């Protein structure tokens, strides 16, 4: 189980934490290349993808992935549209209803 990005009430987070069920502990992982609350995360082909998010001023279109075998982040081509995301029960929902990358007030 991976927890990536977020917000601590004052700052956007770049941190990644990995849950180890055998020891019931959270351990630090390699930090995201971009700090991003409201990030969408999904695992595809043993890679943890971090998509979009919000940097405190604008929604992000950047995408990066963690190759979990070598613990290194890489970036891929940005998405065409900015978005913020929410994930629950393995499903990720991204909202692109923004104007010029800023919130729409909803």
PDB file of N, CA and C in Angstrom:
ATOM      1  N   UNK A   1       0.850  -1.166   0.000  1.00  0.00           N
ATOM      2  CA  UNK A   1       0.000   0.000   0.000  1.00  0.00           C
ATOM      3  C   UNK A   1       0.895   1.228   0.000  1.00  0.00           C
ATOM      4  N   UNK A   2       0.635   2.153  -0.922  1.00  0.00           N
ATOM      5  CA  UNK A   2       1.414   3.387  -1.036  1.00  0.00           C
ATOM      6  C   UNK A   2       0.516   4.587  -0.743  1.00  0.00           C
ATOM      7  N   UNK A   3       1.041   5.567  -0.012  1.00  0.00           N
ATOM      8  CA  UNK A   3       0.383   6.855   0.190  1.00  0.00           C
ATOM      9  C   UNK A   3       1.314   7.904  -0.405  1.00  0.00           C
ATOM     10  N   UNK A   4       0.811   8.676  -1.373  1.00  0.00           N
ATOM     11  CA  UNK A   4       1.669   9.624  -2.096  1.00  0.00           C
ATOM     12  C   UNK A   4       1.063  11.015  -2.073  1.00  0.00           C
ATOM     13  N   UNK A   5       1.926  12.023  -1.849  1.00  0.00           N
ATOM     14  CA  UNK A   5       1.493  13.414  -1.893  1.00  0.00           C
ATOM     15  C   UNK A   5       0.556  13.754  -0.753  1.00  0.00           C
ATOM     16  N   UNK A   6      -0.185  14.830  -0.939  1.00  0.00           N
ATOM     17  CA  UNK A   6      -1.131  15.274   0.068  1.00  0.00           C
ATOM     18  C   UNK A   6      -0.844  16.694   0.516  1.00  0.00           C
ATOM     19  N   UNK A   7      -1.420  17.056   1.659  1.00  0.00           N
ATOM     20  CA  UNK A   7      -1.274  18.402   2.214  1.00  0.00           C
ATOM     21  C   UNK A   7      -1.300  18.276   3.728  1.00  0.00           C
ATOM     22  N   UNK A   8      -0.428  18.999   4.414  1.00  0.00           N
ATOM     23  CA  UNK A   8      -0.368  18.910   5.876  1.00  0.00           C
ATOM     24  C   UNK A   8      -1.105  20.046   6.579  1.00  0.00           C
ATOM     25  N   UNK A   9      -1.898  20.820   5.831  1.00  0.00           N
ATOM     26  CA  UNK A   9      -2.594  21.968   6.390  1.00  0.00           C
ATOM     27  C   UNK A   9      -1.885  23.273   6.098  1.00  0.00           C
ATOM     28  N   UNK A  10      -0.599  23.193   5.809  1.00  0.00           N
ATOM     29  CA  UNK A  10       0.196  24.375   5.481  1.00  0.00           C
ATOM     30  C   UNK A  10       0.947  24.248   4.162  1.00  0.00           C
ATOM     31  N   UNK A  11       1.353  23.029   3.819  1.00  0.00           N
ATOM     32  CA  UNK A  11       2.207  22.827   2.654  1.00  0.00           C
ATOM     33  C   UNK A  11       1.773  21.611   1.837  1.00  0.00           C
ATOM     34  N   UNK A  12       2.001  21.683   0.532  1.00  0.00           N
ATOM     35  CA  UNK A  12       1.834  20.523  -0.339  1.00  0.00           C
ATOM     36  C   UNK A  12       2.955  19.536  -0.041  1.00  0.00           C
ATOM     37  N   UNK A  13       2.641  18.246  -0.092  1.00  0.00           N
ATOM     38  CA  UNK A  13       3.618  17.218   0.253  1.00  0.00           C
ATOM     39  C   UNK A  13       4.141  16.490  -0.980  1.00  0.00           C
ATOM     40  N   UNK A  14       5.418  16.139  -0.921  1.00  0.00           N
ATOM     41  CA  UNK A  14       6.075  15.330  -1.956  1.00  0.00           C
ATOM     42  C   UNK A  14       6.338  13.922  -1.437  1.00  0.00           C
ATOM     43  N   UNK A  15       5.980  13.671  -0.208  1.00  0.00           N
ATOM     44  CA  UNK A  15       6.354  12.422   0.443  1.00  0.00           C
ATOM     45  C   UNK A  15       5.589  11.224  -0.093  1.00  0.00           C
ATOM     46  N   UNK A  16       6.226  10.075   0.036  1.00  0.00           N
ATOM     47  CA  UNK A  16       5.616   8.787  -0.280  1.00  0.00           C
ATOM     48  C   UNK A  16       5.871   7.883   0.917  1.00  0.00           C
ATOM     49  N   UNK A  17       4.836   7.201   1.364  1.00  0.00           N
ATOM     50  CA  UNK A  17       4.972   6.243   2.451  1.00  0.00           C
ATOM     51  C   UNK A  17       4.476   4.893   1.970  1.00  0.00           C
ATOM     52  N   UNK A  18       5.157   3.843   2.416  1.00  0.00           N
ATOM     53  CA  UNK A  18       4.838   2.478   1.999  1.00  0.00           C
ATOM     54  C   UNK A  18       4.491   1.677   3.248  1.00  0.00           C
ATOM     55  N   UNK A  19       3.310   1.068   3.238  1.00  0.00           N
ATOM     56  CA  UNK A  19       2.872   0.269   4.382  1.00  0.00           C
ATOM     57  C   UNK A  19       3.434  -1.142   4.262  1.00  0.00           C
ATOM     58  N   UNK A  20       4.026  -1.620   5.352  1.00  0.00           N
ATOM     59  CA  UNK A  20       4.559  -2.981   5.425  1.00  0.00           C
ATOM     60  C   UNK A  20       3.679  -3.786   6.379  1.00  0.00           C
ATOM     61  N   UNK A  21       2.754  -4.600   5.844  1.00  0.00           N
ATOM     62  CA  UNK A  21       1.833  -5.326   6.718  1.00  0.00           C
ATOM     63  C   UNK A  21       2.530  -6.328   7.641  1.00  0.00           C
ATOM     64  N   UNK A  22       3.673  -6.867   7.210  1.00  0.00           N
ATOM     65  CA  UNK A  22       4.362  -7.859   8.041  1.00  0.00           C
ATOM     66  C   UNK A  22       4.893  -7.259   9.341  1.00  0.00           C
ATOM     67  N   UNK A  23       5.153  -5.950   9.354  1.00  0.00           N
ATOM     68  CA  UNK A  23       5.621  -5.279  10.577  1.00  0.00           C
ATOM     69  C   UNK A  23       4.622  -4.241  11.086  1.00  0.00           C
ATOM     70  N   UNK A  24       3.513  -4.061  10.352  1.00  0.00           N
ATOM     71  CA  UNK A  24       2.480  -3.083  10.697  1.00  0.00           C
ATOM     72  C   UNK A  24       3.079  -1.684  10.874  1.00  0.00           C
ATOM     73  N   UNK A  25       3.942  -1.301   9.912  1.00  0.00           N
ATOM     74  CA  UNK A  25       4.597   0.007   9.967  1.00  0.00           C
ATOM     75  C   UNK A  25       4.533   0.693   8.607  1.00  0.00           C
ATOM     76  N   UNK A  26       4.636   2.024   8.641  1.00  0.00           N
ATOM     77  CA  UNK A  26       4.765   2.844   7.436  1.00  0.00           C
ATOM     78  C   UNK A  26       6.225   3.238   7.294  1.00  0.00           C
ATOM     79  N   UNK A  27       6.780   3.063   6.111  1.00  0.00           N
ATOM     80  CA  UNK A  27       8.177   3.391   5.845  1.00  0.00           C
ATOM     81  C   UNK A  27       8.259   4.430   4.738  1.00  0.00           C
ATOM     82  N   UNK A  28       9.268   5.317   4.791  1.00  0.00           N
ATOM     83  CA  UNK A  28       9.405   6.321   3.730  1.00  0.00           C
ATOM     84  C   UNK A  28       9.802   5.685   2.405  1.00  0.00           C
ATOM     85  N   UNK A  29       9.235   6.220   1.339  1.00  0.00           N
ATOM     86  CA  UNK A  29       9.608   5.819  -0.012  1.00  0.00           C
ATOM     87  C   UNK A  29      10.254   6.999  -0.709  1.00  0.00           C
ATOM     88  N   UNK A  30      10.606   6.840  -1.976  1.00  0.00           N
ATOM     89  CA  UNK A  30      11.216   7.951  -2.718  1.00  0.00           C
ATOM     90  C   UNK A  30      10.190   9.058  -2.961  1.00  0.00           C
ATOM     91  N   UNK A  31      10.563  10.295  -2.691  1.00  0.00           N
ATOM     92  CA  UNK A  31       9.643  11.431  -2.828  1.00  0.00           C
ATOM     93  C   UNK A  31       9.224  11.656  -4.274  1.00  0.00           C
ATOM     94  N   UNK A  32       7.989  12.144  -4.447  1.00  0.00           N
ATOM     95  CA  UNK A  32       7.515  12.569  -5.762  1.00  0.00           C
ATOM     96  C   UNK A  32       8.433  13.654  -6.314  1.00  0.00           C
ATOM     97  N   UNK A  33       8.501  13.786  -7.625  1.00  0.00           N
ATOM     98  CA  UNK A  33       9.301  14.863  -8.212  1.00  0.00           C
ATOM     99  C   UNK A  33       8.568  16.192  -8.130  1.00  0.00           C
ATOM    100  N   UNK A  34       7.227  16.161  -8.003  1.00  0.00           N
ATOM    101  CA  UNK A  34       6.402  17.362  -7.833  1.00  0.00           C
ATOM    102  C   UNK A  34       5.496  17.162  -6.629  1.00  0.00           C
ATOM    103  N   UNK A  35       5.488  18.135  -5.715  1.00  0.00           N
ATOM    104  CA  UNK A  35       4.574  18.068  -4.573  1.00  0.00           C
ATOM    105  C   UNK A  35       3.157  18.226  -5.100  1.00  0.00           C
ATOM    106  N   UNK A  36       2.227  17.392  -4.622  1.00  0.00           N
ATOM    107  CA  UNK A  36       0.891  17.427  -5.204  1.00  0.00           C
ATOM    108  C   UNK A  36      -0.182  16.832  -4.300  1.00  0.00           C
ATOM    109  N   UNK A  37      -0.988  17.679  -3.645  1.00  0.00           N
ATOM    110  CA  UNK A  37      -2.211  17.173  -3.034  1.00  0.00           C
ATOM    111  C   UNK A  37      -3.243  16.899  -4.122  1.00  0.00           C
ATOM    112  N   UNK A  38      -4.302  16.200  -3.773  1.00  0.00           N
ATOM    113  CA  UNK A  38      -5.388  15.862  -4.703  1.00  0.00           C
ATOM    114  C   UNK A  38      -4.872  15.128  -5.929  1.00  0.00           C
ATOM    115  N   UNK A  39      -3.876  14.295  -5.731  1.00  0.00           N
ATOM    116  CA  UNK A  39      -3.272  13.540  -6.823  1.00  0.00           C
ATOM    117  C   UNK A  39      -4.024  12.224  -7.006  1.00  0.00           C
ATOM    118  N   UNK A  40      -4.162  11.800  -8.250  1.00  0.00           N
ATOM    119  CA  UNK A  40      -4.717  10.489  -8.551  1.00  0.00           C
ATOM    120  C   UNK A  40      -3.581   9.496  -8.670  1.00  0.00           C
ATOM    121  N   UNK A  41      -3.697   8.337  -8.028  1.00  0.00           N
ATOM    122  CA  UNK A  41      -2.656   7.317  -8.123  1.00  0.00           C
ATOM    123  C   UNK A  41      -3.264   5.989  -8.538  1.00  0.00           C
ATOM    124  N   UNK A  42      -2.545   5.276  -9.385  1.00  0.00           N
ATOM    125  CA  UNK A  42      -2.949   3.950  -9.838  1.00  0.00           C
ATOM    126  C   UNK A  42      -1.705   3.138 -10.135  1.00  0.00           C
ATOM    127  N   UNK A  43      -1.818   1.824 -10.000  1.00  0.00           N
ATOM    128  CA  UNK A  43      -0.716   0.926 -10.331  1.00  0.00           C
ATOM    129  C   UNK A  43      -1.014   0.256 -11.661  1.00  0.00           C
ATOM    130  N   UNK A  44      -0.041   0.344 -12.581  1.00  0.00           N
ATOM    131  CA  UNK A  44      -0.130  -0.308 -13.886  1.00  0.00           C
ATOM    132  C   UNK A  44       1.228  -0.934 -14.167  1.00  0.00           C
ATOM    133  N   UNK A  45       1.246  -2.237 -14.445  1.00  0.00           N
ATOM    134  CA  UNK A  45       2.488  -2.936 -14.796  1.00  0.00           C
ATOM    135  C   UNK A  45       3.620  -2.661 -13.810  1.00  0.00           C
ATOM    136  N   UNK A  46       3.330  -2.808 -12.520  1.00  0.00           N
ATOM    137  CA  UNK A  46       4.324  -2.639 -11.455  1.00  0.00           C
ATOM    138  C   UNK A  46       4.899  -1.223 -11.385  1.00  0.00           C
ATOM    139  N   UNK A  47       4.121  -0.257 -11.858  1.00  0.00           N
ATOM    140  CA  UNK A  47       4.491   1.158 -11.761  1.00  0.00           C
ATOM    141  C   UNK A  47       3.359   1.902 -11.067  1.00  0.00           C
ATOM    142  N   UNK A  48       3.723   2.758 -10.121  1.00  0.00           N
ATOM    143  CA  UNK A  48       2.758   3.589  -9.417  1.00  0.00           C
ATOM    144  C   UNK A  48       2.714   4.937 -10.124  1.00  0.00           C
ATOM    145  N   UNK A  49       1.587   5.247 -10.771  1.00  0.00           N
ATOM    146  CA  UNK A  49       1.436   6.505 -11.501  1.00  0.00           C
ATOM    147  C   UNK A  49       0.797   7.555 -10.605  1.00  0.00           C
ATOM    148  N   UNK A  50       1.342   8.767 -10.640  1.00  0.00           N
ATOM    149  CA  UNK A  50       0.784   9.932  -9.952  1.00  0.00           C
ATOM    150  C   UNK A  50       0.341  10.908 -11.036  1.00  0.00           C
ATOM    151  N   UNK A  51      -0.961  11.195 -11.081  1.00  0.00           N
ATOM    152  CA  UNK A  51      -1.548  11.974 -12.172  1.00  0.00           C
ATOM    153  C   UNK A  51      -2.217  13.226 -11.621  1.00  0.00           C
ATOM    154  N   UNK A  52      -1.868  14.378 -12.191  1.00  0.00           N
ATOM    155  CA  UNK A  52      -2.535  15.625 -11.825  1.00  0.00           C
ATOM    156  C   UNK A  52      -2.288  16.023 -10.386  1.00  0.00           C
ATOM    157  N   UNK A  53      -3.255  16.700  -9.816  1.00  0.00           N
ATOM    158  CA  UNK A  53      -3.156  17.217  -8.463  1.00  0.00           C
ATOM    159  C   UNK A  53      -3.337  18.726  -8.456  1.00  0.00           C
ATOM    160  N   UNK A  54      -2.990  19.318  -7.342  1.00  0.00           N
ATOM    161  CA  UNK A  54      -3.174  20.754  -7.148  1.00  0.00           C
ATOM    162  C   UNK A  54      -1.975  21.270  -6.373  1.00  0.00           C
ATOM    163  N   UNK A  55      -1.336  22.342  -6.832  1.00  0.00           N
ATOM    164  CA  UNK A  55      -0.131  22.835  -6.158  1.00  0.00           C
ATOM    165  C   UNK A  55      -0.402  24.024  -5.232  1.00  0.00           C
ATOM    166  N   UNK A  56      -1.654  24.286  -4.930  1.00  0.00           N
ATOM    167  CA  UNK A  56      -2.014  25.413  -4.076  1.00  0.00           C
ATOM    168  C   UNK A  56      -2.459  26.626  -4.860  1.00  0.00           C
ATOM    169  N   UNK A  57      -2.126  26.668  -6.139  1.00  0.00           N
ATOM    170  CA  UNK A  57      -2.519  27.777  -7.005  1.00  0.00           C
ATOM    171  C   UNK A  57      -3.258  27.303  -8.245  1.00  0.00           C
ATOM    172  N   UNK A  58      -2.780  26.229  -8.851  1.00  0.00           N
ATOM    173  CA  UNK A  58      -3.395  25.711 -10.075  1.00  0.00           C
ATOM    174  C   UNK A  58      -3.457  24.190 -10.032  1.00  0.00           C
ATOM    175  N   UNK A  59      -4.373  23.635 -10.813  1.00  0.00           N
ATOM    176  CA  UNK A  59      -4.404  22.199 -11.010  1.00  0.00           C
ATOM    177  C   UNK A  59      -3.257  21.815 -11.930  1.00  0.00           C
ATOM    178  N   UNK A  60      -2.754  20.606 -11.761  1.00  0.00           N
ATOM    179  CA  UNK A  60      -1.581  20.144 -12.497  1.00  0.00           C
ATOM    180  C   UNK A  60      -1.965  19.194 -13.623  1.00  0.00           C
ATOM    181  N   UNK A  61      -1.177  19.193 -14.680  1.00  0.00           N
ATOM    182  CA  UNK A  61      -1.361  18.239 -15.772  1.00  0.00           C
ATOM    183  C   UNK A  61      -0.195  17.257 -15.836  1.00  0.00           C
ATOM    184  N   UNK A  62       0.757  17.384 -14.918  1.00  0.00           N
ATOM    185  CA  UNK A  62       1.941  16.539 -14.948  1.00  0.00           C
ATOM    186  C   UNK A  62       1.638  15.113 -14.498  1.00  0.00           C
ATOM    187  N   UNK A  63       2.438  14.175 -15.030  1.00  0.00           N
ATOM    188  CA  UNK A  63       2.298  12.758 -14.719  1.00  0.00           C
ATOM    189  C   UNK A  63       3.699  12.204 -14.445  1.00  0.00           C
ATOM    190  N   UNK A  64       3.818  11.437 -13.384  1.00  0.00           N
ATOM    191  CA  UNK A  64       5.076  10.755 -13.092  1.00  0.00           C
ATOM    192  C   UNK A  64       4.757   9.345 -12.617  1.00  0.00           C
ATOM    193  N   UNK A  65       5.745   8.456 -12.703  1.00  0.00           N
ATOM    194  CA  UNK A  65       5.519   7.103 -12.214  1.00  0.00           C
ATOM    195  C   UNK A  65       6.731   6.608 -11.437  1.00  0.00           C
ATOM    196  N   UNK A  66       6.447   5.752 -10.474  1.00  0.00           N
ATOM    197  CA  UNK A  66       7.475   5.112  -9.666  1.00  0.00           C
ATOM    198  C   UNK A  66       7.611   3.680 -10.141  1.00  0.00           C
ATOM    199  N   UNK A  67       8.790   3.316 -10.607  1.00  0.00           N
ATOM    200  CA  UNK A  67       9.095   1.915 -10.900  1.00  0.00           C
ATOM    201  C   UNK A  67       9.409   1.279  -9.553  1.00  0.00           C
ATOM    202  N   UNK A  68       8.489   0.457  -9.048  1.00  0.00           N
ATOM    203  CA  UNK A  68       8.617  -0.042  -7.680  1.00  0.00           C
ATOM    204  C   UNK A  68       9.772  -1.027  -7.516  1.00  0.00           C
ATOM    205  N   UNK A  69      10.292  -1.567  -8.609  1.00  0.00           N
ATOM    206  CA  UNK A  69      11.429  -2.481  -8.493  1.00  0.00           C
ATOM    207  C   UNK A  69      12.740  -1.745  -8.252  1.00  0.00           C
ATOM    208  N   UNK A  70      12.923  -0.559  -8.867  1.00  0.00           N
ATOM    209  CA  UNK A  70      14.181   0.169  -8.660  1.00  0.00           C
ATOM    210  C   UNK A  70      14.001   1.454  -7.847  1.00  0.00           C
ATOM    211  N   UNK A  71      12.763   1.712  -7.373  1.00  0.00           N
ATOM    212  CA  UNK A  71      12.477   2.853  -6.488  1.00  0.00           C
ATOM    213  C   UNK A  71      12.879   4.197  -7.072  1.00  0.00           C
ATOM    214  N   UNK A  72      12.634   4.411  -8.361  1.00  0.00           N
ATOM    215  CA  UNK A  72      12.950   5.684  -9.004  1.00  0.00           C
ATOM    216  C   UNK A  72      11.725   6.236  -9.715  1.00  0.00           C
ATOM    217  N   UNK A  73      11.516   7.563  -9.584  1.00  0.00           N
ATOM    218  CA  UNK A  73      10.440   8.256 -10.271  1.00  0.00           C
ATOM    219  C   UNK A  73      10.903   8.714 -11.644  1.00  0.00           C
ATOM    220  N   UNK A  74      10.021   8.639 -12.613  1.00  0.00           N
ATOM    221  CA  UNK A  74      10.255   9.172 -13.957  1.00  0.00           C
ATOM    222  C   UNK A  74       9.031   9.968 -14.362  1.00  0.00           C
ATOM    223  N   UNK A  75       9.216  10.955 -15.221  1.00  0.00           N
ATOM    224  CA  UNK A  75       8.080  11.729 -15.719  1.00  0.00           C
ATOM    225  C   UNK A  75       7.723  11.260 -17.119  1.00  0.00           C
ATOM    226  N   UNK A  76       6.469  11.436 -17.471  1.00  0.00           N
ATOM    227  CA  UNK A  76       5.989  11.149 -18.821  1.00  0.00           C
ATOM    228  C   UNK A  76       5.357  12.430 -19.358  1.00  0.00           C
ATOM    229  N   UNK A  77       4.954  12.408 -20.611  1.00  0.00           N
ATOM    230  CA  UNK A  77       4.362  13.587 -21.232  1.00  0.00           C
ATOM    231  C   UNK A  77       3.142  14.038 -20.407  1.00  0.00           C
ATOM    232  N   UNK A  78       3.009  15.350 -20.147  1.00  0.00           N
ATOM    233  CA  UNK A  78       1.864  15.840 -19.366  1.00  0.00           C
ATOM    234  C   UNK A  78       0.539  15.574 -20.080  1.00  0.00           C
ATOM    235  N   UNK A  79      -0.518  15.494 -19.283  1.00  0.00           N
ATOM    236  CA  UNK A  79      -1.864  15.382 -19.843  1.00  0.00           C
ATOM    237  C   UNK A  79      -2.238  16.691 -20.524  1.00  0.00           C
ATOM    238  N   UNK A  80      -3.192  16.614 -21.429  1.00  0.00           N
ATOM    239  CA  UNK A  80      -3.640  17.819 -22.129  1.00  0.00           C
ATOM    240  C   UNK A  80      -4.382  18.772 -21.201  1.00  0.00           C
ATOM    241  N   UNK A  81      -5.133  18.208 -20.230  1.00  0.00           N
ATOM    242  CA  UNK A  81      -5.948  19.029 -19.333  1.00  0.00           C
ATOM    243  C   UNK A  81      -5.446  18.907 -17.902  1.00  0.00           C
ATOM    244  N   UNK A  82      -5.593  19.986 -17.134  1.00  0.00           N
ATOM    245  CA  UNK A  82      -5.262  19.994 -15.714  1.00  0.00           C
ATOM    246  C   UNK A  82      -6.368  19.270 -14.963  1.00  0.00           C
ATOM    247  N   UNK A  83      -6.043  18.685 -13.803  1.00  0.00           N
ATOM    248  CA  UNK A  83      -7.104  18.107 -12.998  1.00  0.00           C
ATOM    249  C   UNK A  83      -6.650  17.832 -11.575  1.00  0.00           C
ATOM    250  N   UNK A  84      -7.641  17.707 -10.705  1.00  0.00           N
ATOM    251  CA  UNK A  84      -7.446  17.202  -9.358  1.00  0.00           C
ATOM    252  C   UNK A  84      -8.129  15.852  -9.298  1.00  0.00           C
ATOM    253  N   UNK A  85      -7.681  14.974  -8.422  1.00  0.00           N
ATOM    254  CA  UNK A  85      -8.200  13.608  -8.397  1.00  0.00           C
ATOM    255  C   UNK A  85      -8.522  13.171  -6.975  1.00  0.00           C
ATOM    256  N   UNK A  86      -9.370  12.174  -6.889  1.00  0.00           N
ATOM    257  CA  UNK A  86      -9.650  11.494  -5.634  1.00  0.00           C
ATOM    258  C   UNK A  86      -9.678  10.004  -5.921  1.00  0.00           C
ATOM    259  N   UNK A  87      -9.179   9.211  -4.980  1.00  0.00           N
ATOM    260  CA  UNK A  87      -9.156   7.759  -5.154  1.00  0.00           C
ATOM    261  C   UNK A  87      -9.853   7.096  -3.980  1.00  0.00           C
ATOM    262  N   UNK A  88     -10.579   6.012  -4.272  1.00  0.00           N
ATOM    263  CA  UNK A  88     -11.227   5.243  -3.227  1.00  0.00           C
ATOM    264  C   UNK A  88     -11.435   3.827  -3.736  1.00  0.00           C
ATOM    265  N   UNK A  89     -11.105   2.857  -2.911  1.00  0.00           N
ATOM    266  CA  UNK A  89     -11.310   1.450  -3.236  1.00  0.00           C
ATOM    267  C   UNK A  89     -10.715   1.059  -4.581  1.00  0.00           C
ATOM    268  N   UNK A  90      -9.535   1.586  -4.888  1.00  0.00           N
ATOM    269  CA  UNK A  90      -8.849   1.224  -6.120  1.00  0.00           C
ATOM    270  C   UNK A  90      -9.319   1.956  -7.352  1.00  0.00           C
ATOM    271  N   UNK A  91     -10.301   2.853  -7.211  1.00  0.00           N
ATOM    272  CA  UNK A  91     -10.799   3.621  -8.352  1.00  0.00           C
ATOM    273  C   UNK A  91     -10.352   5.066  -8.215  1.00  0.00           C
ATOM    274  N   UNK A  92      -9.943   5.663  -9.323  1.00  0.00           N
ATOM    275  CA  UNK A  92      -9.494   7.052  -9.323  1.00  0.00           C
ATOM    276  C   UNK A  92     -10.440   7.888 -10.154  1.00  0.00           C
ATOM    277  N   UNK A  93     -10.898   9.013  -9.591  1.00  0.00           N
ATOM    278  CA  UNK A  93     -11.790   9.931 -10.290  1.00  0.00           C
ATOM    279  C   UNK A  93     -11.090  11.275 -10.399  1.00  0.00           C
ATOM    280  N   UNK A  94     -10.910  11.757 -11.625  1.00  0.00           N
ATOM    281  CA  UNK A  94     -10.241  13.038 -11.855  1.00  0.00           C
ATOM    282  C   UNK A  94     -11.234  14.030 -12.431  1.00  0.00           C
ATOM    283  N   UNK A  95     -11.243  15.244 -11.859  1.00  0.00           N
ATOM    284  CA  UNK A  95     -12.151  16.303 -12.286  1.00  0.00           C
ATOM    285  C   UNK A  95     -11.386  17.314 -13.115  1.00  0.00           C
ATOM    286  N   UNK A  96     -11.756  17.451 -14.378  1.00  0.00           N
ATOM    287  CA  UNK A  96     -11.106  18.424 -15.262  1.00  0.00           C
ATOM    288  C   UNK A  96     -11.953  19.668 -15.449  1.00  0.00           C
ATOM    289  N   UNK A  97     -12.937  19.893 -14.579  1.00  0.00           N
ATOM    290  CA  UNK A  97     -13.825  21.043 -14.747  1.00  0.00           C
ATOM    291  C   UNK A  97     -13.179  22.297 -14.180  1.00  0.00           C
ATOM    292  N   UNK A  98     -12.124  22.732 -14.837  1.00  0.00           N
ATOM    293  CA  UNK A  98     -11.406  23.923 -14.406  1.00  0.00           C
ATOM    294  C   UNK A  98     -11.315  24.901 -15.558  1.00  0.00           C
ATOM    295  N   UNK A  99     -11.014  26.121 -15.234  1.00  0.00           N
ATOM    296  CA  UNK A  99     -10.824  27.158 -16.243  1.00  0.00           C
ATOM    297  C   UNK A  99      -9.413  27.688 -16.111  1.00  0.00           C
ATOM    298  N   UNK A 100      -8.644  27.597 -17.170  1.00  0.00           N
ATOM    299  CA  UNK A 100      -7.258  28.071 -17.166  1.00  0.00           C
ATOM    300  C   UNK A 100      -6.439  27.491 -16.022  1.00  0.00           C
ATOM    301  N   UNK A 101      -6.771  26.258 -15.609  1.00  0.00           N
ATOM    302  CA  UNK A 101      -5.993  25.602 -14.574  1.00  0.00           C
ATOM    303  C   UNK A 101      -6.279  26.076 -13.170  1.00  0.00           C
ATOM    304  N   UNK A 102      -7.308  26.899 -12.965  1.00  0.00           N
ATOM    305  CA  UNK A 102      -7.649  27.347 -11.620  1.00  0.00           C
ATOM    306  C   UNK A 102      -8.960  26.712 -11.214  1.00  0.00           C
ATOM    307  N   UNK A 103      -9.268  26.746  -9.931  1.00  0.00           N
ATOM    308  CA  UNK A 103     -10.491  26.106  -9.468  1.00  0.00           C
ATOM    309  C   UNK A 103     -11.712  26.814 -10.022  1.00  0.00           C
ATOM    310  N   UNK A 104     -12.793  26.058 -10.169  1.00  0.00           N
ATOM    311  CA  UNK A 104     -14.019  26.628 -10.723  1.00  0.00           C
ATOM    312  C   UNK A 104     -15.005  27.043  -9.641  1.00  0.00           C
ATOM    313  N   UNK A 105     -14.595  26.946  -8.369  1.00  0.00           N
ATOM    314  CA  UNK A 105     -15.446  27.408  -7.278  1.00  0.00           C
ATOM    315  C   UNK A 105     -16.498  26.428  -6.841  1.00  0.00           C
ATOM    316  N   UNK A 106     -16.529  25.236  -7.391  1.00  0.00           N
ATOM    317  CA  UNK A 106     -17.527  24.245  -6.988  1.00  0.00           C
ATOM    318  C   UNK A 106     -17.017  23.404  -5.844  1.00  0.00           C
TER     319      UNK A 106
END
